[in-house]
Amino acid sequence: MQPVVFGIPRSRRTLFIQLAFNERGAEQKAELFRAIVANLRLRAGVPEEDVMLMVVETARENWWAAGRVVDPDTGYDARMTDVPAGPAR
């Protein structure tokens, strides 16, 4: 175990959380990070210093699940019937 990561001392309880989703703006990601840290602190008593977050962004067409391929224009699989109007981006 490395005792220091990004110049921050870490404990044995440090959580490394990797998130994967389509591209989002910097402020949207910052809000998500703040919410995750706040909830971990509130609900599990995890100090902010013990949370490391990383985002892996990928294009919609790179997602596949249960035979479904996401249409990059809509954000939905072509077999889905309840798709909102307009692009998902």
PDB file of N, CA and C in Angstrom:
ATOM      1  N   MET A   1       0.842  -1.182   0.000  1.00  0.00           N
ATOM      2  CA  MET A   1       0.000   0.000   0.000  1.00  0.00           C
ATOM      3  C   MET A   1       0.888   1.246   0.000  1.00  0.00           C
ATOM      4  N   GLN A   2       0.563   2.176  -0.852  1.00  0.00           N
ATOM      5  CA  GLN A   2       1.267   3.457  -0.883  1.00  0.00           C
ATOM      6  C   GLN A   2       0.671   4.356   0.201  1.00  0.00           C
ATOM      7  N   PRO A   3       1.484   4.878   1.123  1.00  0.00           N
ATOM      8  CA  PRO A   3       0.945   5.689   2.215  1.00  0.00           C
ATOM      9  C   PRO A   3       0.494   7.086   1.781  1.00  0.00           C
ATOM     10  N   VAL A   4       0.932   7.525   0.599  1.00  0.00           N
ATOM     11  CA  VAL A   4       0.565   8.853   0.114  1.00  0.00           C
ATOM     12  C   VAL A   4       0.180   8.735  -1.362  1.00  0.00           C
ATOM     13  N   VAL A   5      -0.959   9.300  -1.721  1.00  0.00           N
ATOM     14  CA  VAL A   5      -1.424   9.314  -3.114  1.00  0.00           C
ATOM     15  C   VAL A   5      -1.780  10.748  -3.463  1.00  0.00           C
ATOM     16  N   PHE A   6      -1.234  11.261  -4.556  1.00  0.00           N
ATOM     17  CA  PHE A   6      -1.451  12.647  -4.978  1.00  0.00           C
ATOM     18  C   PHE A   6      -1.109  13.632  -3.857  1.00  0.00           C
ATOM     19  N   GLY A   7      -0.114  13.293  -3.052  1.00  0.00           N
ATOM     20  CA  GLY A   7       0.306  14.163  -1.970  1.00  0.00           C
ATOM     21  C   GLY A   7      -0.592  14.109  -0.748  1.00  0.00           C
ATOM     22  N   ILE A   8      -1.557  13.202  -0.734  1.00  0.00           N
ATOM     23  CA  ILE A   8      -2.503  13.087   0.379  1.00  0.00           C
ATOM     24  C   ILE A   8      -2.240  11.782   1.122  1.00  0.00           C
ATOM     25  N   PRO A   9      -1.947  11.860   2.427  1.00  0.00           N
ATOM     26  CA  PRO A   9      -1.787  10.618   3.196  1.00  0.00           C
ATOM     27  C   PRO A   9      -3.094   9.829   3.170  1.00  0.00           C
ATOM     28  N   ARG A  10      -2.986   8.514   3.065  1.00  0.00           N
ATOM     29  CA  ARG A  10      -4.208   7.705   3.051  1.00  0.00           C
ATOM     30  C   ARG A  10      -4.140   6.615   4.100  1.00  0.00           C
ATOM     31  N   SER A  11      -5.309   6.202   4.518  1.00  0.00           N
ATOM     32  CA  SER A  11      -5.388   5.150   5.527  1.00  0.00           C
ATOM     33  C   SER A  11      -5.635   3.811   4.839  1.00  0.00           C
ATOM     34  N   ARG A  12      -5.711   2.785   5.635  1.00  0.00           N
ATOM     35  CA  ARG A  12      -6.000   1.450   5.102  1.00  0.00           C
ATOM     36  C   ARG A  12      -7.444   1.360   4.620  1.00  0.00           C
ATOM     37  N   ARG A  13      -8.274   2.331   4.961  1.00  0.00           N
ATOM     38  CA  ARG A  13      -9.690   2.334   4.563  1.00  0.00           C
ATOM     39  C   ARG A  13      -9.936   3.111   3.270  1.00  0.00           C
ATOM     40  N   THR A  14      -8.915   3.595   2.621  1.00  0.00           N
ATOM     41  CA  THR A  14      -9.106   4.415   1.433  1.00  0.00           C
ATOM     42  C   THR A  14      -9.891   3.658   0.372  1.00  0.00           C
ATOM     43  N   LEU A  15     -10.880   4.338  -0.181  1.00  0.00           N
ATOM     44  CA  LEU A  15     -11.716   3.769  -1.241  1.00  0.00           C
ATOM     45  C   LEU A  15     -11.277   4.343  -2.583  1.00  0.00           C
ATOM     46  N   PHE A  16     -11.065   3.482  -3.550  1.00  0.00           N
ATOM     47  CA  PHE A  16     -10.814   3.903  -4.918  1.00  0.00           C
ATOM     48  C   PHE A  16     -12.060   3.544  -5.708  1.00  0.00           C
ATOM     49  N   ILE A  17     -12.749   4.544  -6.221  1.00  0.00           N
ATOM     50  CA  ILE A  17     -14.009   4.341  -6.931  1.00  0.00           C
ATOM     51  C   ILE A  17     -13.828   4.775  -8.371  1.00  0.00           C
ATOM     52  N   GLN A  18     -14.126   3.862  -9.290  1.00  0.00           N
ATOM     53  CA  GLN A  18     -14.036   4.166 -10.713  1.00  0.00           C
ATOM     54  C   GLN A  18     -15.449   4.239 -11.277  1.00  0.00           C
ATOM     55  N   LEU A  19     -15.739   5.335 -11.961  1.00  0.00           N
ATOM     56  CA  LEU A  19     -17.042   5.554 -12.563  1.00  0.00           C
ATOM     57  C   LEU A  19     -16.891   5.516 -14.081  1.00  0.00           C
ATOM     58  N   ALA A  20     -17.818   4.890 -14.760  1.00  0.00           N
ATOM     59  CA  ALA A  20     -17.771   4.838 -16.223  1.00  0.00           C
ATOM     60  C   ALA A  20     -19.088   5.353 -16.769  1.00  0.00           C
ATOM     61  N   PHE A  21     -18.999   6.372 -17.616  1.00  0.00           N
ATOM     62  CA  PHE A  21     -20.194   6.914 -18.258  1.00  0.00           C
ATOM     63  C   PHE A  21     -19.786   7.736 -19.464  1.00  0.00           C
ATOM     64  N   ASN A  22     -20.785   8.233 -20.183  1.00  0.00           N
ATOM     65  CA  ASN A  22     -20.528   9.066 -21.351  1.00  0.00           C
ATOM     66  C   ASN A  22     -20.002  10.415 -20.902  1.00  0.00           C
ATOM     67  N   GLU A  23     -19.514  11.171 -21.847  1.00  0.00           N
ATOM     68  CA  GLU A  23     -18.902  12.456 -21.539  1.00  0.00           C
ATOM     69  C   GLU A  23     -19.854  13.384 -20.781  1.00  0.00           C
ATOM     70  N   ARG A  24     -19.321  14.054 -19.778  1.00  0.00           N
ATOM     71  CA  ARG A  24     -20.043  15.031 -18.961  1.00  0.00           C
ATOM     72  C   ARG A  24     -19.134  16.238 -18.779  1.00  0.00           C
ATOM     73  N   GLY A  25     -19.720  17.379 -18.514  1.00  0.00           N
ATOM     74  CA  GLY A  25     -18.946  18.591 -18.289  1.00  0.00           C
ATOM     75  C   GLY A  25     -18.206  18.546 -16.965  1.00  0.00           C
ATOM     76  N   ALA A  26     -17.181  19.383 -16.856  1.00  0.00           N
ATOM     77  CA  ALA A  26     -16.350  19.411 -15.653  1.00  0.00           C
ATOM     78  C   ALA A  26     -17.170  19.735 -14.404  1.00  0.00           C
ATOM     79  N   GLU A  27     -18.082  20.709 -14.491  1.00  0.00           N
ATOM     80  CA  GLU A  27     -18.894  21.072 -13.320  1.00  0.00           C
ATOM     81  C   GLU A  27     -19.839  19.939 -12.931  1.00  0.00           C
ATOM     82  N   GLN A  28     -20.393  19.254 -13.905  1.00  0.00           N
ATOM     83  CA  GLN A  28     -21.285  18.133 -13.616  1.00  0.00           C
ATOM     84  C   GLN A  28     -20.526  17.022 -12.886  1.00  0.00           C
ATOM     85  N   LYS A  29     -19.301  16.749 -13.318  1.00  0.00           N
ATOM     86  CA  LYS A  29     -18.489  15.739 -12.637  1.00  0.00           C
ATOM     87  C   LYS A  29     -18.113  16.215 -11.234  1.00  0.00           C
ATOM     88  N   ALA A  30     -17.772  17.488 -11.082  1.00  0.00           N
ATOM     89  CA  ALA A  30     -17.422  18.026  -9.763  1.00  0.00           C
ATOM     90  C   ALA A  30     -18.598  17.903  -8.801  1.00  0.00           C
ATOM     91  N   GLU A  31     -19.810  18.174  -9.273  1.00  0.00           N
ATOM     92  CA  GLU A  31     -21.007  18.020  -8.435  1.00  0.00           C
ATOM     93  C   GLU A  31     -21.198  16.567  -8.024  1.00  0.00           C
ATOM     94  N   LEU A  32     -20.978  15.647  -8.962  1.00  0.00           N
ATOM     95  CA  LEU A  32     -21.093  14.222  -8.657  1.00  0.00           C
ATOM     96  C   LEU A  32     -20.057  13.821  -7.611  1.00  0.00           C
ATOM     97  N   PHE A  33     -18.818  14.261  -7.781  1.00  0.00           N
ATOM     98  CA  PHE A  33     -17.772  13.943  -6.805  1.00  0.00           C
ATOM     99  C   PHE A  33     -18.146  14.455  -5.418  1.00  0.00           C
ATOM    100  N   ARG A  34     -18.619  15.709  -5.352  1.00  0.00           N
ATOM    101  CA  ARG A  34     -19.019  16.280  -4.051  1.00  0.00           C
ATOM    102  C   ARG A  34     -20.134  15.458  -3.414  1.00  0.00           C
ATOM    103  N   ALA A  35     -21.108  15.037  -4.218  1.00  0.00           N
ATOM    104  CA  ALA A  35     -22.236  14.259  -3.688  1.00  0.00           C
ATOM    105  C   ALA A  35     -21.781  12.891  -3.183  1.00  0.00           C
ATOM    106  N   ILE A  36     -20.905  12.238  -3.926  1.00  0.00           N
ATOM    107  CA  ILE A  36     -20.407  10.927  -3.493  1.00  0.00           C
ATOM    108  C   ILE A  36     -19.659  11.054  -2.181  1.00  0.00           C
ATOM    109  N   VAL A  37     -18.748  12.016  -2.098  1.00  0.00           N
ATOM    110  CA  VAL A  37     -17.960  12.210  -0.875  1.00  0.00           C
ATOM    111  C   VAL A  37     -18.871  12.555   0.301  1.00  0.00           C
ATOM    112  N   ALA A  38     -19.831  13.446   0.084  1.00  0.00           N
ATOM    113  CA  ALA A  38     -20.749  13.846   1.170  1.00  0.00           C
ATOM    114  C   ALA A  38     -21.552  12.651   1.661  1.00  0.00           C
ATOM    115  N   ASN A  39     -22.044  11.821   0.746  1.00  0.00           N
ATOM    116  CA  ASN A  39     -22.834  10.654   1.151  1.00  0.00           C
ATOM    117  C   ASN A  39     -21.985   9.608   1.852  1.00  0.00           C
ATOM    118  N   LEU A  40     -20.770   9.394   1.385  1.00  0.00           N
ATOM    119  CA  LEU A  40     -19.895   8.443   2.075  1.00  0.00           C
ATOM    120  C   LEU A  40     -19.561   8.927   3.479  1.00  0.00           C
ATOM    121  N   ARG A  41     -19.350  10.229   3.629  1.00  0.00           N
ATOM    122  CA  ARG A  41     -19.060  10.798   4.947  1.00  0.00           C
ATOM    123  C   ARG A  41     -20.284  10.650   5.857  1.00  0.00           C
ATOM    124  N   LEU A  42     -21.449  11.041   5.352  1.00  0.00           N
ATOM    125  CA  LEU A  42     -22.680  11.028   6.142  1.00  0.00           C
ATOM    126  C   LEU A  42     -23.134   9.616   6.505  1.00  0.00           C
ATOM    127  N   ARG A  43     -23.144   8.729   5.544  1.00  0.00           N
ATOM    128  CA  ARG A  43     -23.748   7.406   5.751  1.00  0.00           C
ATOM    129  C   ARG A  43     -22.770   6.336   6.230  1.00  0.00           C
ATOM    130  N   ALA A  44     -21.486   6.499   5.924  1.00  0.00           N
ATOM    131  CA  ALA A  44     -20.524   5.456   6.296  1.00  0.00           C
ATOM    132  C   ALA A  44     -19.364   5.978   7.123  1.00  0.00           C
ATOM    133  N   GLY A  45     -19.336   7.289   7.389  1.00  0.00           N
ATOM    134  CA  GLY A  45     -18.269   7.846   8.204  1.00  0.00           C
ATOM    135  C   GLY A  45     -16.902   7.829   7.534  1.00  0.00           C
ATOM    136  N   VAL A  46     -16.893   7.815   6.212  1.00  0.00           N
ATOM    137  CA  VAL A  46     -15.619   7.793   5.481  1.00  0.00           C
ATOM    138  C   VAL A  46     -15.115   9.222   5.327  1.00  0.00           C
ATOM    139  N   PRO A  47     -13.918   9.524   5.820  1.00  0.00           N
ATOM    140  CA  PRO A  47     -13.398  10.885   5.669  1.00  0.00           C
ATOM    141  C   PRO A  47     -13.064  11.189   4.202  1.00  0.00           C
ATOM    142  N   GLU A  48     -13.183  12.453   3.867  1.00  0.00           N
ATOM    143  CA  GLU A  48     -12.909  12.919   2.505  1.00  0.00           C
ATOM    144  C   GLU A  48     -11.540  12.457   2.004  1.00  0.00           C
ATOM    145  N   GLU A  49     -10.548  12.444   2.884  1.00  0.00           N
ATOM    146  CA  GLU A  49      -9.191  12.064   2.510  1.00  0.00           C
ATOM    147  C   GLU A  49      -9.088  10.597   2.109  1.00  0.00           C
ATOM    148  N   ASP A  50     -10.069   9.787   2.468  1.00  0.00           N
ATOM    149  CA  ASP A  50     -10.051   8.360   2.147  1.00  0.00           C
ATOM    150  C   ASP A  50     -10.888   8.022   0.917  1.00  0.00           C
ATOM    151  N   VAL A  51     -11.226   9.016   0.116  1.00  0.00           N
ATOM    152  CA  VAL A  51     -12.015   8.769  -1.097  1.00  0.00           C
ATOM    153  C   VAL A  51     -11.221   9.236  -2.307  1.00  0.00           C
ATOM    154  N   MET A  52     -10.977   8.330  -3.237  1.00  0.00           N
ATOM    155  CA  MET A  52     -10.324   8.640  -4.514  1.00  0.00           C
ATOM    156  C   MET A  52     -11.308   8.259  -5.619  1.00  0.00           C
ATOM    157  N   LEU A  53     -11.628   9.216  -6.468  1.00  0.00           N
ATOM    158  CA  LEU A  53     -12.592   8.983  -7.541  1.00  0.00           C
ATOM    159  C   LEU A  53     -11.919   9.134  -8.896  1.00  0.00           C
ATOM    160  N   MET A  54     -12.317   8.312  -9.846  1.00  0.00           N
ATOM    161  CA  MET A  54     -11.784   8.392 -11.195  1.00  0.00           C
ATOM    162  C   MET A  54     -12.909   8.125 -12.182  1.00  0.00           C
ATOM    163  N   VAL A  55     -12.967   8.926 -13.231  1.00  0.00           N
ATOM    164  CA  VAL A  55     -13.975   8.762 -14.270  1.00  0.00           C
ATOM    165  C   VAL A  55     -13.317   8.225 -15.533  1.00  0.00           C
ATOM    166  N   VAL A  56     -13.942   7.224 -16.121  1.00  0.00           N
ATOM    167  CA  VAL A  56     -13.552   6.715 -17.431  1.00  0.00           C
ATOM    168  C   VAL A  56     -14.700   7.065 -18.364  1.00  0.00           C
ATOM    169  N   GLU A  57     -14.442   7.985 -19.291  1.00  0.00           N
ATOM    170  CA  GLU A  57     -15.489   8.397 -20.218  1.00  0.00           C
ATOM    171  C   GLU A  57     -15.344   7.633 -21.528  1.00  0.00           C
ATOM    172  N   THR A  58     -16.470   7.271 -22.074  1.00  0.00           N
ATOM    173  CA  THR A  58     -16.473   6.541 -23.332  1.00  0.00           C
ATOM    174  C   THR A  58     -17.671   6.973 -24.167  1.00  0.00           C
ATOM    175  N   ALA A  59     -17.539   6.888 -25.455  1.00  0.00           N
ATOM    176  CA  ALA A  59     -18.638   7.254 -26.351  1.00  0.00           C
ATOM    177  C   ALA A  59     -19.792   6.269 -26.201  1.00  0.00           C
ATOM    178  N   ARG A  60     -20.984   6.742 -26.445  1.00  0.00           N
ATOM    179  CA  ARG A  60     -22.184   5.910 -26.305  1.00  0.00           C
ATOM    180  C   ARG A  60     -22.095   4.618 -27.099  1.00  0.00           C
ATOM    181  N   GLU A  61     -21.509   4.682 -28.278  1.00  0.00           N
ATOM    182  CA  GLU A  61     -21.463   3.476 -29.118  1.00  0.00           C
ATOM    183  C   GLU A  61     -20.545   2.396 -28.551  1.00  0.00           C
ATOM    184  N   ASN A  62     -19.784   2.722 -27.510  1.00  0.00           N
ATOM    185  CA  ASN A  62     -18.907   1.736 -26.892  1.00  0.00           C
ATOM    186  C   ASN A  62     -19.590   0.937 -25.788  1.00  0.00           C
ATOM    187  N   TRP A  63     -20.847   1.215 -25.512  1.00  0.00           N
ATOM    188  CA  TRP A  63     -21.581   0.501 -24.469  1.00  0.00           C
ATOM    189  C   TRP A  63     -22.390  -0.638 -25.083  1.00  0.00           C
ATOM    190  N   TRP A  64     -22.411  -1.751 -24.378  1.00  0.00           N
ATOM    191  CA  TRP A  64     -23.178  -2.917 -24.803  1.00  0.00           C
ATOM    192  C   TRP A  64     -23.648  -3.628 -23.549  1.00  0.00           C
ATOM    193  N   ALA A  65     -24.902  -4.041 -23.527  1.00  0.00           N
ATOM    194  CA  ALA A  65     -25.415  -4.804 -22.385  1.00  0.00           C
ATOM    195  C   ALA A  65     -26.571  -5.674 -22.843  1.00  0.00           C
ATOM    196  N   ALA A  66     -26.516  -6.947 -22.531  1.00  0.00           N
ATOM    197  CA  ALA A  66     -27.587  -7.899 -22.829  1.00  0.00           C
ATOM    198  C   ALA A  66     -28.036  -7.816 -24.286  1.00  0.00           C
ATOM    199  N   GLY A  67     -27.080  -7.711 -25.184  1.00  0.00           N
ATOM    200  CA  GLY A  67     -27.415  -7.681 -26.603  1.00  0.00           C
ATOM    201  C   GLY A  67     -27.872  -6.334 -27.105  1.00  0.00           C
ATOM    202  N   ARG A  68     -27.846  -5.347 -26.258  1.00  0.00           N
ATOM    203  CA  ARG A  68     -28.300  -4.015 -26.660  1.00  0.00           C
ATOM    204  C   ARG A  68     -27.100  -3.140 -26.981  1.00  0.00           C
ATOM    205  N   VAL A  69     -27.193  -2.421 -28.056  1.00  0.00           N
ATOM    206  CA  VAL A  69     -26.147  -1.490 -28.462  1.00  0.00           C
ATOM    207  C   VAL A  69     -26.763  -0.098 -28.464  1.00  0.00           C
ATOM    208  N   VAL A  70     -26.125   0.837 -27.816  1.00  0.00           N
ATOM    209  CA  VAL A  70     -26.668   2.183 -27.689  1.00  0.00           C
ATOM    210  C   VAL A  70     -26.482   2.957 -28.998  1.00  0.00           C
ATOM    211  N   ASP A  71     -27.585   3.531 -29.488  1.00  0.00           N
ATOM    212  CA  ASP A  71     -27.550   4.388 -30.669  1.00  0.00           C
ATOM    213  C   ASP A  71     -26.968   5.729 -30.231  1.00  0.00           C
ATOM    214  N   PRO A  72     -25.849   6.180 -30.821  1.00  0.00           N
ATOM    215  CA  PRO A  72     -25.227   7.423 -30.363  1.00  0.00           C
ATOM    216  C   PRO A  72     -26.097   8.660 -30.562  1.00  0.00           C
ATOM    217  N   ASP A  73     -27.078   8.596 -31.469  1.00  0.00           N
ATOM    218  CA  ASP A  73     -27.944   9.752 -31.695  1.00  0.00           C
ATOM    219  C   ASP A  73     -29.051   9.883 -30.656  1.00  0.00           C
ATOM    220  N   THR A  74     -29.545   8.748 -30.153  1.00  0.00           N
ATOM    221  CA  THR A  74     -30.649   8.799 -29.197  1.00  0.00           C
ATOM    222  C   THR A  74     -30.232   8.441 -27.773  1.00  0.00           C
ATOM    223  N   GLY A  75     -29.165   7.638 -27.639  1.00  0.00           N
ATOM    224  CA  GLY A  75     -28.765   7.160 -26.319  1.00  0.00           C
ATOM    225  C   GLY A  75     -29.523   5.918 -25.898  1.00  0.00           C
ATOM    226  N   TYR A  76     -30.338   5.371 -26.791  1.00  0.00           N
ATOM    227  CA  TYR A  76     -31.153   4.192 -26.492  1.00  0.00           C
ATOM    228  C   TYR A  76     -30.894   3.092 -27.504  1.00  0.00           C
ATOM    229  N   ASP A  77     -31.263   1.869 -27.156  1.00  0.00           N
ATOM    230  CA  ASP A  77     -31.213   0.745 -28.074  1.00  0.00           C
ATOM    231  C   ASP A  77     -32.380   0.863 -29.050  1.00  0.00           C
ATOM    232  N   ALA A  78     -32.150   0.470 -30.291  1.00  0.00           N
ATOM    233  CA  ALA A  78     -33.185   0.586 -31.329  1.00  0.00           C
ATOM    234  C   ALA A  78     -34.441  -0.213 -30.985  1.00  0.00           C
ATOM    235  N   ARG A  79     -34.328  -1.231 -30.136  1.00  0.00           N
ATOM    236  CA  ARG A  79     -35.500  -2.053 -29.780  1.00  0.00           C
ATOM    237  C   ARG A  79     -36.371  -1.425 -28.697  1.00  0.00           C
ATOM    238  N   MET A  80     -35.905  -0.331 -28.112  1.00  0.00           N
ATOM    239  CA  MET A  80     -36.680   0.308 -27.048  1.00  0.00           C
ATOM    240  C   MET A  80     -37.801   1.135 -27.664  1.00  0.00           C
ATOM    241  N   THR A  81     -38.980   1.014 -27.104  1.00  0.00           N
ATOM    242  CA  THR A  81     -40.142   1.705 -27.676  1.00  0.00           C
ATOM    243  C   THR A  81     -40.506   2.974 -26.947  1.00  0.00           C
ATOM    244  N   ASP A  82     -40.126   3.136 -25.689  1.00  0.00           N
ATOM    245  CA  ASP A  82     -40.497   4.311 -24.898  1.00  0.00           C
ATOM    246  C   ASP A  82     -39.302   5.281 -24.840  1.00  0.00           C
ATOM    247  N   VAL A  83     -38.934   5.827 -26.002  1.00  0.00           N
ATOM    248  CA  VAL A  83     -37.777   6.708 -26.098  1.00  0.00           C
ATOM    249  C   VAL A  83     -38.253   8.154 -26.170  1.00  0.00           C
ATOM    250  N   PRO A  84     -37.770   9.015 -25.280  1.00  0.00           N
ATOM    251  CA  PRO A  84     -38.179  10.429 -25.333  1.00  0.00           C
ATOM    252  C   PRO A  84     -37.745  11.069 -26.659  1.00  0.00           C
ATOM    253  N   ALA A  85     -38.461  12.087 -27.062  1.00  0.00           N
ATOM    254  CA  ALA A  85     -38.124  12.797 -28.300  1.00  0.00           C
ATOM    255  C   ALA A  85     -36.831  13.579 -28.123  1.00  0.00           C
ATOM    256  N   GLY A  86     -36.077  13.721 -29.190  1.00  0.00           N
ATOM    257  CA  GLY A  86     -34.858  14.511 -29.158  1.00  0.00           C
ATOM    258  C   GLY A  86     -33.657  13.685 -28.794  1.00  0.00           C
ATOM    259  N   PRO A  87     -32.472  14.204 -29.095  1.00  0.00           N
ATOM    260  CA  PRO A  87     -31.244  13.467 -28.788  1.00  0.00           C
ATOM    261  C   PRO A  87     -30.977  13.389 -27.295  1.00  0.00           C
ATOM    262  N   ALA A  88     -30.282  12.346 -26.885  1.00  0.00           N
ATOM    263  CA  ALA A  88     -29.962  12.114 -25.473  1.00  0.00           C
ATOM    264  C   ALA A  88     -28.749  12.915 -25.033  1.00  0.00           C
ATOM    265  N   ARG A  89     -28.033  13.484 -25.930  1.00  0.00           N
ATOM    266  CA  ARG A  89     -26.798  14.208 -25.578  1.00  0.00           C
ATOM    267  C   ARG A  89     -27.169  15.407 -24.829  1.00  0.00           C
TER     268      ARG A  89
END
